[in-house]
């Protein structure tokens, strides 16, 4: 179990990482895929805070952008 200070430190790292992703996106001319990938990377980092088997389950829930896009287009077609 992590200490309260360890959790706060990890949260600060996650926020710093997301800020870096946002800045890079603006500099590079951000696309939807860049945003999605940045958010998924943050989620992936959070998964590594869990112990097994929760970690594996968490990581399996992360979709690639292509899978997300196919699922999204399928939902739009249904409506």
N, C-alpha and C. Protein backbone atom coordinates (compact mmCIF):
# COMPACT_ATOMS: atom_id res chain seq x y z
N UNK A 1 0.85 -1.19 0.00
CA UNK A 1 0.00 0.00 0.00
C UNK A 1 0.89 1.24 0.00
N UNK A 2 0.51 2.21 -0.81
CA UNK A 2 1.29 3.43 -0.90
C UNK A 2 0.91 4.38 0.23
N UNK A 3 1.88 5.19 0.63
CA UNK A 3 1.59 6.20 1.63
C UNK A 3 0.83 7.35 0.98
N UNK A 4 0.26 8.19 1.80
CA UNK A 4 -0.49 9.35 1.29
C UNK A 4 0.43 10.25 0.46
N UNK A 5 1.67 10.43 0.92
CA UNK A 5 2.63 11.25 0.18
C UNK A 5 2.95 10.63 -1.17
N UNK A 6 3.03 9.31 -1.23
CA UNK A 6 3.30 8.61 -2.48
C UNK A 6 2.17 8.79 -3.48
N UNK A 7 0.94 8.74 -2.99
CA UNK A 7 -0.22 8.92 -3.86
C UNK A 7 -0.26 10.36 -4.38
N UNK A 8 0.02 11.33 -3.51
CA UNK A 8 0.04 12.73 -3.93
C UNK A 8 1.13 12.93 -4.98
N UNK A 9 2.29 12.35 -4.77
CA UNK A 9 3.39 12.46 -5.72
C UNK A 9 2.99 11.87 -7.07
N UNK A 10 2.35 10.69 -7.08
CA UNK A 10 1.92 10.06 -8.33
C UNK A 10 0.88 10.91 -9.03
N UNK A 11 -0.05 11.49 -8.27
CA UNK A 11 -1.06 12.36 -8.87
C UNK A 11 -0.43 13.57 -9.51
N UNK A 12 0.58 14.14 -8.86
CA UNK A 12 1.29 15.28 -9.44
C UNK A 12 2.01 14.89 -10.72
N UNK A 13 2.60 13.69 -10.74
CA UNK A 13 3.26 13.21 -11.95
C UNK A 13 2.27 13.04 -13.10
N UNK A 14 1.10 12.51 -12.79
CA UNK A 14 0.08 12.31 -13.81
C UNK A 14 -0.38 13.66 -14.36
N UNK A 15 -0.60 14.63 -13.49
CA UNK A 15 -1.00 15.96 -13.94
C UNK A 15 0.10 16.59 -14.79
N UNK A 16 1.33 16.45 -14.36
CA UNK A 16 2.46 16.98 -15.13
C UNK A 16 2.54 16.32 -16.50
N UNK A 17 2.35 15.01 -16.54
CA UNK A 17 2.38 14.29 -17.81
C UNK A 17 1.27 14.78 -18.73
N UNK A 18 0.05 14.94 -18.20
CA UNK A 18 -1.06 15.40 -19.02
C UNK A 18 -0.81 16.82 -19.53
N UNK A 19 -0.23 17.68 -18.70
CA UNK A 19 0.10 19.04 -19.15
C UNK A 19 1.11 18.99 -20.29
N UNK A 20 2.08 18.11 -20.17
CA UNK A 20 3.08 17.96 -21.23
C UNK A 20 2.42 17.49 -22.52
N UNK A 21 1.50 16.54 -22.41
CA UNK A 21 0.79 16.04 -23.59
C UNK A 21 -0.01 17.16 -24.24
N UNK A 22 -0.69 17.95 -23.45
CA UNK A 22 -1.49 19.05 -23.98
C UNK A 22 -0.60 20.07 -24.69
N UNK A 23 0.51 20.42 -24.07
CA UNK A 23 1.43 21.38 -24.68
C UNK A 23 1.98 20.84 -25.99
N UNK A 24 2.39 19.59 -25.99
CA UNK A 24 2.92 18.97 -27.22
C UNK A 24 1.85 18.96 -28.30
N UNK A 25 0.62 18.67 -27.93
CA UNK A 25 -0.47 18.65 -28.91
C UNK A 25 -0.65 20.02 -29.55
N UNK A 26 -0.62 21.06 -28.76
CA UNK A 26 -0.78 22.40 -29.31
C UNK A 26 0.40 22.77 -30.20
N UNK A 27 1.59 22.39 -29.81
CA UNK A 27 2.77 22.70 -30.60
C UNK A 27 2.74 21.92 -31.92
N UNK A 28 2.35 20.67 -31.88
CA UNK A 28 2.38 19.80 -33.05
C UNK A 28 1.13 19.90 -33.91
N UNK A 29 0.16 20.69 -33.54
CA UNK A 29 -1.09 20.72 -34.29
C UNK A 29 -1.90 19.49 -33.95
N UNK A 30 -2.48 19.50 -32.81
CA UNK A 30 -3.09 18.31 -32.22
C UNK A 30 -4.22 17.73 -33.06
N UNK A 31 -4.27 16.41 -33.11
CA UNK A 31 -5.35 15.69 -33.76
C UNK A 31 -6.15 14.97 -32.68
N UNK A 32 -7.33 14.49 -33.06
CA UNK A 32 -8.12 13.71 -32.11
C UNK A 32 -7.34 12.50 -31.62
N UNK A 33 -6.58 11.89 -32.52
CA UNK A 33 -5.82 10.72 -32.14
C UNK A 33 -4.76 11.08 -31.10
N UNK A 34 -4.13 12.22 -31.23
CA UNK A 34 -3.12 12.64 -30.24
C UNK A 34 -3.76 12.81 -28.87
N UNK A 35 -4.92 13.43 -28.85
CA UNK A 35 -5.62 13.60 -27.57
C UNK A 35 -5.97 12.24 -26.98
N UNK A 36 -6.53 11.40 -27.80
CA UNK A 36 -6.94 10.07 -27.34
C UNK A 36 -5.74 9.29 -26.80
N UNK A 37 -4.66 9.30 -27.56
CA UNK A 37 -3.46 8.57 -27.14
C UNK A 37 -2.91 9.12 -25.82
N UNK A 38 -2.93 10.44 -25.65
CA UNK A 38 -2.46 11.03 -24.40
C UNK A 38 -3.30 10.62 -23.21
N UNK A 39 -4.60 10.62 -23.40
CA UNK A 39 -5.50 10.22 -22.31
C UNK A 39 -5.32 8.74 -21.99
N UNK A 40 -5.17 7.91 -23.03
CA UNK A 40 -4.98 6.49 -22.81
C UNK A 40 -3.64 6.21 -22.11
N UNK A 41 -2.62 6.96 -22.44
CA UNK A 41 -1.33 6.78 -21.77
C UNK A 41 -1.45 7.11 -20.28
N UNK A 42 -2.19 8.14 -19.97
CA UNK A 42 -2.43 8.49 -18.57
C UNK A 42 -3.17 7.35 -17.87
N UNK A 43 -4.17 6.80 -18.54
CA UNK A 43 -4.93 5.67 -17.97
C UNK A 43 -4.00 4.47 -17.76
N UNK A 44 -3.13 4.22 -18.73
CA UNK A 44 -2.18 3.10 -18.64
C UNK A 44 -1.27 3.27 -17.41
N UNK A 45 -0.81 4.49 -17.18
CA UNK A 45 0.05 4.75 -16.03
C UNK A 45 -0.70 4.50 -14.72
N UNK A 46 -1.98 4.86 -14.70
CA UNK A 46 -2.78 4.61 -13.51
C UNK A 46 -2.94 3.10 -13.26
N UNK A 47 -3.05 2.33 -14.34
CA UNK A 47 -3.21 0.87 -14.21
C UNK A 47 -2.02 0.26 -13.47
N UNK A 48 -0.83 0.80 -13.70
CA UNK A 48 0.37 0.24 -13.09
C UNK A 48 0.44 0.48 -11.58
N UNK A 49 -0.48 1.28 -11.06
CA UNK A 49 -0.55 1.48 -9.61
C UNK A 49 -1.26 0.31 -8.92
N UNK A 50 -2.01 -0.49 -9.68
CA UNK A 50 -2.75 -1.63 -9.13
C UNK A 50 -1.85 -2.86 -9.02
N UNK A 51 -2.26 -3.76 -8.17
CA UNK A 51 -1.62 -5.06 -8.05
C UNK A 51 -2.32 -6.02 -9.01
N UNK A 52 -1.66 -7.13 -9.31
CA UNK A 52 -2.30 -8.17 -10.14
C UNK A 52 -3.44 -8.79 -9.35
N UNK A 53 -4.51 -9.23 -9.91
CA UNK A 53 -4.90 -9.26 -11.32
C UNK A 53 -5.59 -7.99 -11.78
N UNK A 54 -5.82 -7.02 -10.87
CA UNK A 54 -6.50 -5.78 -11.26
C UNK A 54 -5.72 -5.01 -12.33
N UNK A 55 -4.39 -5.06 -12.24
CA UNK A 55 -3.56 -4.35 -13.21
C UNK A 55 -3.82 -4.87 -14.63
N UNK A 56 -3.80 -6.19 -14.78
CA UNK A 56 -4.02 -6.79 -16.10
C UNK A 56 -5.40 -6.45 -16.63
N UNK A 57 -6.42 -6.52 -15.78
CA UNK A 57 -7.78 -6.19 -16.20
C UNK A 57 -7.86 -4.73 -16.64
N UNK A 58 -7.25 -3.86 -15.90
CA UNK A 58 -7.23 -2.43 -16.23
C UNK A 58 -6.57 -2.20 -17.59
N UNK A 59 -5.43 -2.83 -17.81
CA UNK A 59 -4.70 -2.66 -19.06
C UNK A 59 -5.48 -3.22 -20.26
N UNK A 60 -6.23 -4.29 -20.04
CA UNK A 60 -7.02 -4.89 -21.11
C UNK A 60 -8.17 -3.99 -21.54
N UNK A 61 -8.61 -3.09 -20.67
CA UNK A 61 -9.72 -2.20 -20.99
C UNK A 61 -9.30 -1.05 -21.91
N UNK A 62 -8.01 -0.84 -22.07
CA UNK A 62 -7.52 0.27 -22.88
C UNK A 62 -7.63 -0.11 -24.36
N UNK A 63 -8.34 0.72 -25.13
CA UNK A 63 -8.53 0.48 -26.55
C UNK A 63 -7.54 1.31 -27.36
N UNK A 64 -7.12 0.76 -28.49
CA UNK A 64 -6.32 1.55 -29.42
C UNK A 64 -7.23 2.58 -30.06
N UNK A 65 -6.65 3.62 -30.64
CA UNK A 65 -7.44 4.66 -31.29
C UNK A 65 -8.25 4.06 -32.45
N UNK A 66 -7.62 3.16 -33.22
CA UNK A 66 -8.32 2.55 -34.35
C UNK A 66 -9.55 1.77 -33.89
N UNK A 67 -9.43 1.02 -32.80
CA UNK A 67 -10.57 0.27 -32.25
C UNK A 67 -11.64 1.24 -31.76
N UNK A 68 -11.22 2.29 -31.06
CA UNK A 68 -12.16 3.30 -30.58
C UNK A 68 -12.91 3.92 -31.76
N UNK A 69 -12.18 4.27 -32.82
CA UNK A 69 -12.78 4.91 -33.99
C UNK A 69 -13.78 3.98 -34.68
N UNK A 70 -13.44 2.69 -34.82
CA UNK A 70 -14.36 1.73 -35.42
C UNK A 70 -15.63 1.58 -34.58
N UNK A 71 -15.45 1.47 -33.27
CA UNK A 71 -16.60 1.34 -32.36
C UNK A 71 -17.49 2.59 -32.44
N UNK A 72 -16.87 3.74 -32.47
CA UNK A 72 -17.60 5.01 -32.53
C UNK A 72 -18.40 5.11 -33.83
N UNK A 73 -17.76 4.77 -34.95
CA UNK A 73 -18.45 4.83 -36.24
C UNK A 73 -19.60 3.84 -36.30
N UNK A 74 -19.43 2.68 -35.68
CA UNK A 74 -20.49 1.68 -35.65
C UNK A 74 -21.70 2.20 -34.86
N UNK A 75 -21.45 2.86 -33.76
CA UNK A 75 -22.53 3.42 -32.94
C UNK A 75 -23.26 4.51 -33.71
N UNK A 76 -22.51 5.34 -34.42
CA UNK A 76 -23.13 6.42 -35.21
C UNK A 76 -24.01 5.85 -36.31
N UNK A 77 -23.58 4.75 -36.95
CA UNK A 77 -24.38 4.11 -38.00
C UNK A 77 -25.69 3.57 -37.45
N UNK A 78 -25.67 3.06 -36.24
CA UNK A 78 -26.86 2.48 -35.63
C UNK A 78 -27.92 3.56 -35.36
N UNK A 79 -27.47 4.72 -34.97
CA UNK A 79 -28.41 5.81 -34.65
C UNK A 79 -28.96 6.36 -35.88
